[in-house]
Amino acid sequence: MDNTFWMALAASAAAAVVTTLGILTIRRFADWGQRHTAYFMCVAAGVLIAASFLHIVPRAIAMSPGAPA
C-alpha cells in the first residue's frame, strides 16, 4: 500500500484518540461541562466560521481582477 493510505489511517486514528479523550474529559467533569456548554458552542461556531472564511477568501482573491498577484 502506498504512503497516502498510511497517512490517512494515521490521521483517522489521531482524530479518534483526540475525540475519545474529549469525551472522557467531559464525562469525568460533567458538572463543569454543563456549566460551560454555551462557551463550547461559541468556540465550535467560531471554528466553523473561520474554516469557511479561510477556505473562501483565497479563492475570492484569486477570482478578483483587481487583486494583487
Protein backbone atom coordinates (compact mmCIF):
# COMPACT_ATOMS: atom_id res chain seq x y z
CA MET A 1 0.00 0.00 0.00
CA ASP A 2 1.14 3.50 -0.72
CA ASN A 3 2.09 6.25 1.70
CA THR A 4 -1.23 8.10 1.26
CA PHE A 5 -3.16 5.22 2.80
CA TRP A 6 -0.94 5.15 5.88
CA MET A 7 -1.13 8.92 6.31
CA ALA A 8 -4.93 8.81 6.09
CA LEU A 9 -5.04 5.93 8.56
CA ALA A 10 -2.76 7.78 10.99
CA ALA A 11 -4.84 10.96 10.73
CA SER A 12 -8.04 9.00 11.33
CA ALA A 13 -6.53 7.23 14.33
CA ALA A 14 -5.31 10.54 15.77
CA ALA A 15 -8.77 12.07 15.35
CA ALA A 16 -10.33 9.06 17.08
CA VAL A 17 -7.90 9.34 20.01
CA VAL A 18 -8.48 13.07 20.44
CA THR A 19 -12.26 12.60 20.25
CA THR A 20 -12.13 9.81 22.83
CA LEU A 21 -10.04 11.94 25.18
CA GLY A 22 -12.52 14.79 24.81
CA ILE A 23 -15.47 12.53 25.60
CA LEU A 24 -13.72 11.05 28.63
CA THR A 25 -12.81 14.51 29.90
CA ILE A 26 -16.37 15.79 29.62
CA ARG A 27 -17.72 12.65 31.30
CA ARG A 28 -15.22 12.99 34.13
CA PHE A 29 -16.06 16.66 34.71
CA ALA A 30 -19.76 16.56 33.78
CA ASP A 31 -20.78 19.41 36.09
CA TRP A 32 -18.11 21.69 34.66
CA GLY A 33 -19.15 20.68 31.14
CA GLN A 34 -22.79 21.54 31.82
CA ARG A 35 -21.86 24.97 33.17
CA HIS A 36 -19.68 25.80 30.17
CA THR A 37 -21.78 24.35 27.33
CA ALA A 38 -22.52 27.80 25.89
CA TYR A 39 -18.79 28.55 25.65
CA PHE A 40 -18.13 25.24 23.88
CA MET A 41 -20.86 26.03 21.36
CA CYS A 42 -19.44 29.52 20.75
CA VAL A 43 -15.96 28.10 20.14
CA ALA A 44 -17.35 25.47 17.77
CA ALA A 45 -19.29 28.11 15.82
CA GLY A 46 -16.19 30.30 15.62
CA VAL A 47 -14.09 27.43 14.31
CA LEU A 48 -16.68 26.64 11.62
CA ILE A 49 -16.90 30.28 10.53
CA ALA A 50 -13.11 30.69 10.50
CA ALA A 51 -12.65 27.50 8.48
CA SER A 52 -15.19 28.61 5.90
CA PHE A 53 -13.60 32.05 5.52
CA LEU A 54 -10.10 30.59 5.29
CA HIS A 55 -11.40 28.36 2.51
CA ILE A 56 -13.35 31.04 0.62
CA VAL A 57 -11.15 34.15 0.88
CA PRO A 58 -8.15 32.85 -1.15
CA ARG A 59 -10.50 31.81 -3.96
CA ALA A 60 -12.23 35.19 -3.90
CA ILE A 61 -8.88 36.98 -4.10
CA ALA A 62 -7.80 34.76 -6.98
CA MET A 63 -11.04 35.49 -8.85
CA SER A 64 -10.86 39.27 -8.32
CA PRO A 65 -9.34 41.09 -11.29
CA GLY A 66 -8.07 43.92 -9.08
CA ALA A 67 -6.33 41.67 -6.57
CA PRO A 68 -2.54 41.77 -6.32
CA ALA A 69 -0.74 38.90 -8.00
